[in-house]
Each structure stands twice: as C-alpha cells, then as structure tokens.
Amino acid sequence: MTLHCDKTGRHWPCDSFSQAVRMAPNLGLTDWTWCQGDTTPATMRETVSEMRARPRHPVTRGIE
C-alpha cells in the first residue's frame, strides 16, 4: 500500500488507509491518493537490475 502525492509523484509506503490519512497532513500533502495492493505506481516497481541497465553519462560511468 502506498501514499501517492498527485502533485509531485512521490510515494510513501503505508500499512492502511487510516495511516495514509494521518501521514498526508504531516507530509504537507493536499492532493494525494492511497494505492492498495498491486496498484503501486510503476516508478516504485523499478528493480536494481533495470536501474543498472540504463545508459550512464560518460563522466559518472566509472563512479558506480
């Protein structure tokens, strides 16, 4: 389950809708959505292997 900010696209994991309701004002969110189950936004599903497979900038390629 995820608390999703509709304005910025950021996500925070949460255990229930009531926790999302308590977290939203603490995070300063006014436009937010609670996603439950497998409806987690795609940006959170990205795996480490997918991230490492991305082409890197020549300057930062050897730093990783």
PDB file of N, CA and C in Angstrom:
ATOM      1  N   MET A   1       0.833  -1.162   0.000  1.00  0.00           N
ATOM      2  CA  MET A   1       0.000   0.000   0.000  1.00  0.00           C
ATOM      3  C   MET A   1       0.887   1.238   0.000  1.00  0.00           C
ATOM      4  N   THR A   2       0.426   2.250  -0.687  1.00  0.00           N
ATOM      5  CA  THR A   2       1.261   3.410  -0.903  1.00  0.00           C
ATOM      6  C   THR A   2       0.457   4.690  -0.817  1.00  0.00           C
ATOM      7  N   LEU A   3       1.048   5.684  -0.204  1.00  0.00           N
ATOM      8  CA  LEU A   3       0.509   7.043  -0.220  1.00  0.00           C
ATOM      9  C   LEU A   3       1.195   7.749  -1.373  1.00  0.00           C
ATOM     10  N   HIS A   4       0.422   8.242  -2.338  1.00  0.00           N
ATOM     11  CA  HIS A   4       0.954   8.809  -3.572  1.00  0.00           C
ATOM     12  C   HIS A   4       0.567  10.289  -3.657  1.00  0.00           C
ATOM     13  N   CYS A   5       1.567  11.165  -3.805  1.00  0.00           N
ATOM     14  CA  CYS A   5       1.318  12.595  -3.972  1.00  0.00           C
ATOM     15  C   CYS A   5       0.976  12.855  -5.436  1.00  0.00           C
ATOM     16  N   ASP A   6      -0.213  13.400  -5.691  1.00  0.00           N
ATOM     17  CA  ASP A   6      -0.651  13.650  -7.061  1.00  0.00           C
ATOM     18  C   ASP A   6       0.102  14.809  -7.710  1.00  0.00           C
ATOM     19  N   LYS A   7       0.599  15.742  -6.911  1.00  0.00           N
ATOM     20  CA  LYS A   7       1.310  16.900  -7.463  1.00  0.00           C
ATOM     21  C   LYS A   7       2.733  16.555  -7.881  1.00  0.00           C
ATOM     22  N   THR A   8       3.490  15.904  -7.002  1.00  0.00           N
ATOM     23  CA  THR A   8       4.913  15.659  -7.253  1.00  0.00           C
ATOM     24  C   THR A   8       5.214  14.259  -7.757  1.00  0.00           C
ATOM     25  N   GLY A   9       4.311  13.307  -7.526  1.00  0.00           N
ATOM     26  CA  GLY A   9       4.546  11.939  -7.944  1.00  0.00           C
ATOM     27  C   GLY A   9       5.360  11.132  -6.945  1.00  0.00           C
ATOM     28  N   ARG A  10       5.671  11.705  -5.787  1.00  0.00           N
ATOM     29  CA  ARG A  10       6.431  10.965  -4.771  1.00  0.00           C
ATOM     30  C   ARG A  10       5.537   9.946  -4.090  1.00  0.00           C
ATOM     31  N   HIS A  11       6.158   8.927  -3.480  1.00  0.00           N
ATOM     32  CA  HIS A  11       5.415   7.832  -2.851  1.00  0.00           C
ATOM     33  C   HIS A  11       5.975   7.518  -1.479  1.00  0.00           C
ATOM     34  N   TRP A  12       5.096   7.108  -0.575  1.00  0.00           N
ATOM     35  CA  TRP A  12       5.495   6.679   0.762  1.00  0.00           C
ATOM     36  C   TRP A  12       4.741   5.397   1.079  1.00  0.00           C
ATOM     37  N   PRO A  13       5.442   4.368   1.564  1.00  0.00           N
ATOM     38  CA  PRO A  13       4.747   3.134   1.938  1.00  0.00           C
ATOM     39  C   PRO A  13       3.908   3.354   3.196  1.00  0.00           C
ATOM     40  N   CYS A  14       2.761   2.715   3.248  1.00  0.00           N
ATOM     41  CA  CYS A  14       1.911   2.794   4.437  1.00  0.00           C
ATOM     42  C   CYS A  14       1.179   1.463   4.590  1.00  0.00           C
ATOM     43  N   ASP A  15       0.682   1.214   5.799  1.00  0.00           N
ATOM     44  CA  ASP A  15       0.050  -0.061   6.105  1.00  0.00           C
ATOM     45  C   ASP A  15      -1.458  -0.074   5.898  1.00  0.00           C
ATOM     46  N   SER A  16      -2.087   1.102   5.974  1.00  0.00           N
ATOM     47  CA  SER A  16      -3.537   1.154   5.854  1.00  0.00           C
ATOM     48  C   SER A  16      -3.973   2.549   5.418  1.00  0.00           C
ATOM     49  N   PHE A  17      -5.262   2.657   5.076  1.00  0.00           N
ATOM     50  CA  PHE A  17      -5.800   3.953   4.682  1.00  0.00           C
ATOM     51  C   PHE A  17      -5.759   4.940   5.840  1.00  0.00           C
ATOM     52  N   SER A  18      -6.044   4.462   7.052  1.00  0.00           N
ATOM     53  CA  SER A  18      -6.025   5.365   8.207  1.00  0.00           C
ATOM     54  C   SER A  18      -4.625   5.912   8.464  1.00  0.00           C
ATOM     55  N   GLN A  19      -3.588   5.096   8.207  1.00  0.00           N
ATOM     56  CA  GLN A  19      -2.224   5.598   8.345  1.00  0.00           C
ATOM     57  C   GLN A  19      -1.937   6.644   7.266  1.00  0.00           C
ATOM     58  N   ALA A  20      -2.440   6.432   6.053  1.00  0.00           N
ATOM     59  CA  ALA A  20      -2.256   7.404   4.973  1.00  0.00           C
ATOM     60  C   ALA A  20      -2.928   8.727   5.323  1.00  0.00           C
ATOM     61  N   VAL A  21      -4.112   8.658   5.926  1.00  0.00           N
ATOM     62  CA  VAL A  21      -4.833   9.869   6.324  1.00  0.00           C
ATOM     63  C   VAL A  21      -4.034  10.635   7.374  1.00  0.00           C
ATOM     64  N   ARG A  22      -3.376   9.920   8.286  1.00  0.00           N
ATOM     65  CA  ARG A  22      -2.561  10.595   9.312  1.00  0.00           C
ATOM     66  C   ARG A  22      -1.254  11.131   8.721  1.00  0.00           C
ATOM     67  N   MET A  23      -0.662  10.410   7.761  1.00  0.00           N
ATOM     68  CA  MET A  23       0.621  10.816   7.192  1.00  0.00           C
ATOM     69  C   MET A  23       0.507  12.031   6.278  1.00  0.00           C
ATOM     70  N   ALA A  24      -0.577  12.117   5.503  1.00  0.00           N
ATOM     71  CA  ALA A  24      -0.707  13.175   4.492  1.00  0.00           C
ATOM     72  C   ALA A  24      -0.553  14.580   5.067  1.00  0.00           C
ATOM     73  N   PRO A  25      -1.256  14.959   6.134  1.00  0.00           N
ATOM     74  CA  PRO A  25      -1.066  16.307   6.678  1.00  0.00           C
ATOM     75  C   PRO A  25       0.337  16.519   7.244  1.00  0.00           C
ATOM     76  N   ASN A  26       0.918  15.472   7.832  1.00  0.00           N
ATOM     77  CA  ASN A  26       2.271  15.587   8.380  1.00  0.00           C
ATOM     78  C   ASN A  26       3.304  15.830   7.283  1.00  0.00           C
ATOM     79  N   LEU A  27       3.032  15.306   6.087  1.00  0.00           N
ATOM     80  CA  LEU A  27       3.932  15.499   4.953  1.00  0.00           C
ATOM     81  C   LEU A  27       3.598  16.761   4.158  1.00  0.00           C
ATOM     82  N   GLY A  28       2.519  17.439   4.538  1.00  0.00           N
ATOM     83  CA  GLY A  28       2.120  18.660   3.845  1.00  0.00           C
ATOM     84  C   GLY A  28       1.404  18.394   2.531  1.00  0.00           C
ATOM     85  N   LEU A  29       0.807  17.221   2.397  1.00  0.00           N
ATOM     86  CA  LEU A  29       0.136  16.871   1.147  1.00  0.00           C
ATOM     87  C   LEU A  29      -1.309  17.346   1.160  1.00  0.00           C
ATOM     88  N   THR A  30      -1.729  17.954   0.058  1.00  0.00           N
ATOM     89  CA  THR A  30      -3.128  18.353  -0.089  1.00  0.00           C
ATOM     90  C   THR A  30      -3.828  17.500  -1.144  1.00  0.00           C
ATOM     91  N   ASP A  31      -3.111  17.130  -2.202  1.00  0.00           N
ATOM     92  CA  ASP A  31      -3.654  16.278  -3.261  1.00  0.00           C
ATOM     93  C   ASP A  31      -2.913  14.946  -3.220  1.00  0.00           C
ATOM     94  N   TRP A  32      -3.560  13.913  -2.702  1.00  0.00           N
ATOM     95  CA  TRP A  32      -2.898  12.623  -2.583  1.00  0.00           C
ATOM     96  C   TRP A  32      -3.886  11.502  -2.854  1.00  0.00           C
ATOM     97  N   THR A  33      -3.333  10.330  -3.147  1.00  0.00           N
ATOM     98  CA  THR A  33      -4.120   9.138  -3.435  1.00  0.00           C
ATOM     99  C   THR A  33      -3.535   7.979  -2.653  1.00  0.00           C
ATOM    100  N   TRP A  34      -4.398   7.108  -2.166  1.00  0.00           N
ATOM    101  CA  TRP A  34      -3.951   5.900  -1.475  1.00  0.00           C
ATOM    102  C   TRP A  34      -4.077   4.743  -2.446  1.00  0.00           C
ATOM    103  N   CYS A  35      -2.969   4.088  -2.746  1.00  0.00           N
ATOM    104  CA  CYS A  35      -2.957   2.939  -3.660  1.00  0.00           C
ATOM    105  C   CYS A  35      -2.795   1.680  -2.823  1.00  0.00           C
ATOM    106  N   GLN A  36      -3.677   0.722  -3.033  1.00  0.00           N
ATOM    107  CA  GLN A  36      -3.565  -0.510  -2.260  1.00  0.00           C
ATOM    108  C   GLN A  36      -3.210  -1.678  -3.154  1.00  0.00           C
ATOM    109  N   GLY A  37      -2.650  -2.713  -2.576  1.00  0.00           N
ATOM    110  CA  GLY A  37      -2.311  -3.929  -3.295  1.00  0.00           C
ATOM    111  C   GLY A  37      -1.250  -3.716  -4.354  1.00  0.00           C
ATOM    112  N   ASP A  38      -1.471  -4.277  -5.536  1.00  0.00           N
ATOM    113  CA  ASP A  38      -0.508  -4.205  -6.629  1.00  0.00           C
ATOM    114  C   ASP A  38      -0.664  -2.958  -7.480  1.00  0.00           C
ATOM    115  N   THR A  39      -1.419  -1.980  -7.026  1.00  0.00           N
ATOM    116  CA  THR A  39      -1.597  -0.752  -7.800  1.00  0.00           C
ATOM    117  C   THR A  39      -0.503   0.255  -7.489  1.00  0.00           C
ATOM    118  N   THR A  40       0.621  -0.213  -6.958  1.00  0.00           N
ATOM    119  CA  THR A  40       1.765   0.646  -6.671  1.00  0.00           C
ATOM    120  C   THR A  40       2.223   1.300  -7.964  1.00  0.00           C
ATOM    121  N   PRO A  41       2.477   2.597  -7.967  1.00  0.00           N
ATOM    122  CA  PRO A  41       2.915   3.264  -9.203  1.00  0.00           C
ATOM    123  C   PRO A  41       4.160   2.608  -9.793  1.00  0.00           C
ATOM    124  N   ALA A  42       4.288   2.651 -11.091  1.00  0.00           N
ATOM    125  CA  ALA A  42       5.358   1.954 -11.800  1.00  0.00           C
ATOM    126  C   ALA A  42       6.744   2.396 -11.351  1.00  0.00           C
ATOM    127  N   THR A  43       6.913   3.627 -10.933  1.00  0.00           N
ATOM    128  CA  THR A  43       8.234   4.094 -10.543  1.00  0.00           C
ATOM    129  C   THR A  43       8.745   3.347  -9.317  1.00  0.00           C
ATOM    130  N   MET A  44       7.866   2.782  -8.509  1.00  0.00           N
ATOM    131  CA  MET A  44       8.303   2.043  -7.332  1.00  0.00           C
ATOM    132  C   MET A  44       8.630   0.596  -7.674  1.00  0.00           C
ATOM    133  N   ARG A  45       8.206   0.118  -8.832  1.00  0.00           N
ATOM    134  CA  ARG A  45       8.439  -1.265  -9.217  1.00  0.00           C
ATOM    135  C   ARG A  45       9.797  -1.460  -9.877  1.00  0.00           C
ATOM    136  N   GLU A  46      10.503  -0.383 -10.126  1.00  0.00           N
ATOM    137  CA  GLU A  46      11.784  -0.491 -10.824  1.00  0.00           C
ATOM    138  C   GLU A  46      12.764  -1.293  -9.978  1.00  0.00           C
ATOM    139  N   THR A  47      13.410  -2.262 -10.598  1.00  0.00           N
ATOM    140  CA  THR A  47      14.346  -3.100  -9.858  1.00  0.00           C
ATOM    141  C   THR A  47      15.768  -2.573 -10.007  1.00  0.00           C
ATOM    142  N   VAL A  48      16.650  -3.057  -9.174  1.00  0.00           N
ATOM    143  CA  VAL A  48      18.044  -2.626  -9.212  1.00  0.00           C
ATOM    144  C   VAL A  48      18.679  -3.012 -10.541  1.00  0.00           C
ATOM    145  N   SER A  49      18.370  -4.201 -11.049  1.00  0.00           N
ATOM    146  CA  SER A  49      18.964  -4.627 -12.323  1.00  0.00           C
ATOM    147  C   SER A  49      18.509  -3.735 -13.472  1.00  0.00           C
ATOM    148  N   GLU A  50      17.242  -3.309 -13.471  1.00  0.00           N
ATOM    149  CA  GLU A  50      16.766  -2.399 -14.504  1.00  0.00           C
ATOM    150  C   GLU A  50      17.456  -1.051 -14.399  1.00  0.00           C
ATOM    151  N   MET A  51      17.655  -0.598 -13.180  1.00  0.00           N
ATOM    152  CA  MET A  51      18.291   0.685 -12.970  1.00  0.00           C
ATOM    153  C   MET A  51      19.741   0.651 -13.445  1.00  0.00           C
ATOM    154  N   ARG A  52      20.440  -0.452 -13.168  1.00  0.00           N
ATOM    155  CA  ARG A  52      21.839  -0.558 -13.586  1.00  0.00           C
ATOM    156  C   ARG A  52      21.971  -0.755 -15.087  1.00  0.00           C
ATOM    157  N   ALA A  53      20.929  -1.216 -15.757  1.00  0.00           N
ATOM    158  CA  ALA A  53      20.980  -1.441 -17.194  1.00  0.00           C
ATOM    159  C   ALA A  53      20.834  -0.143 -17.985  1.00  0.00           C
ATOM    160  N   ARG A  54      20.452   0.933 -17.338  1.00  0.00           N
ATOM    161  CA  ARG A  54      20.301   2.210 -18.031  1.00  0.00           C
ATOM    162  C   ARG A  54      21.654   2.729 -18.506  1.00  0.00           C
ATOM    163  N   PRO A  55      21.659   3.392 -19.651  1.00  0.00           N
ATOM    164  CA  PRO A  55      22.914   4.005 -20.098  1.00  0.00           C
ATOM    165  C   PRO A  55      23.335   5.110 -19.131  1.00  0.00           C
ATOM    166  N   ARG A  56      24.617   5.181 -18.863  1.00  0.00           N
ATOM    167  CA  ARG A  56      25.139   6.166 -17.925  1.00  0.00           C
ATOM    168  C   ARG A  56      25.889   7.267 -18.651  1.00  0.00           C
ATOM    169  N   HIS A  57      25.939   8.399 -18.024  1.00  0.00           N
ATOM    170  CA  HIS A  57      26.704   9.523 -18.554  1.00  0.00           C
ATOM    171  C   HIS A  57      28.193   9.166 -18.505  1.00  0.00           C
ATOM    172  N   PRO A  58      28.967   9.522 -19.539  1.00  0.00           N
ATOM    173  CA  PRO A  58      30.382   9.147 -19.574  1.00  0.00           C
ATOM    174  C   PRO A  58      31.183   9.601 -18.346  1.00  0.00           C
ATOM    175  N   VAL A  59      30.847  10.722 -17.768  1.00  0.00           N
ATOM    176  CA  VAL A  59      31.598  11.234 -16.622  1.00  0.00           C
ATOM    177  C   VAL A  59      31.355  10.393 -15.377  1.00  0.00           C
ATOM    178  N   THR A  60      30.107   9.938 -15.177  1.00  0.00           N
ATOM    179  CA  THR A  60      29.775   9.198 -13.958  1.00  0.00           C
ATOM    180  C   THR A  60      29.791   7.676 -14.154  1.00  0.00           C
ATOM    181  N   ARG A  61      30.101   7.192 -15.334  1.00  0.00           N
ATOM    182  CA  ARG A  61      30.026   5.763 -15.623  1.00  0.00           C
ATOM    183  C   ARG A  61      30.926   4.934 -14.698  1.00  0.00           C
ATOM    184  N   GLY A  62      32.139   5.355 -14.409  1.00  0.00           N
ATOM    185  CA  GLY A  62      33.045   4.564 -13.593  1.00  0.00           C
ATOM    186  C   GLY A  62      32.905   4.776 -12.107  1.00  0.00           C
ATOM    187  N   ILE A  63      32.079   5.714 -11.675  1.00  0.00           N
ATOM    188  CA  ILE A  63      31.959   6.042 -10.251  1.00  0.00           C
ATOM    189  C   ILE A  63      31.098   5.028  -9.524  1.00  0.00           C
ATOM    190  N   GLU A  64      30.137   4.426 -10.187  1.00  0.00           N
ATOM    191  CA  GLU A  64      29.209   3.497  -9.556  1.00  0.00           C
ATOM    192  C   GLU A  64      29.937   2.329  -9.091  1.00  0.00           C
TER     193      GLU A  64
END
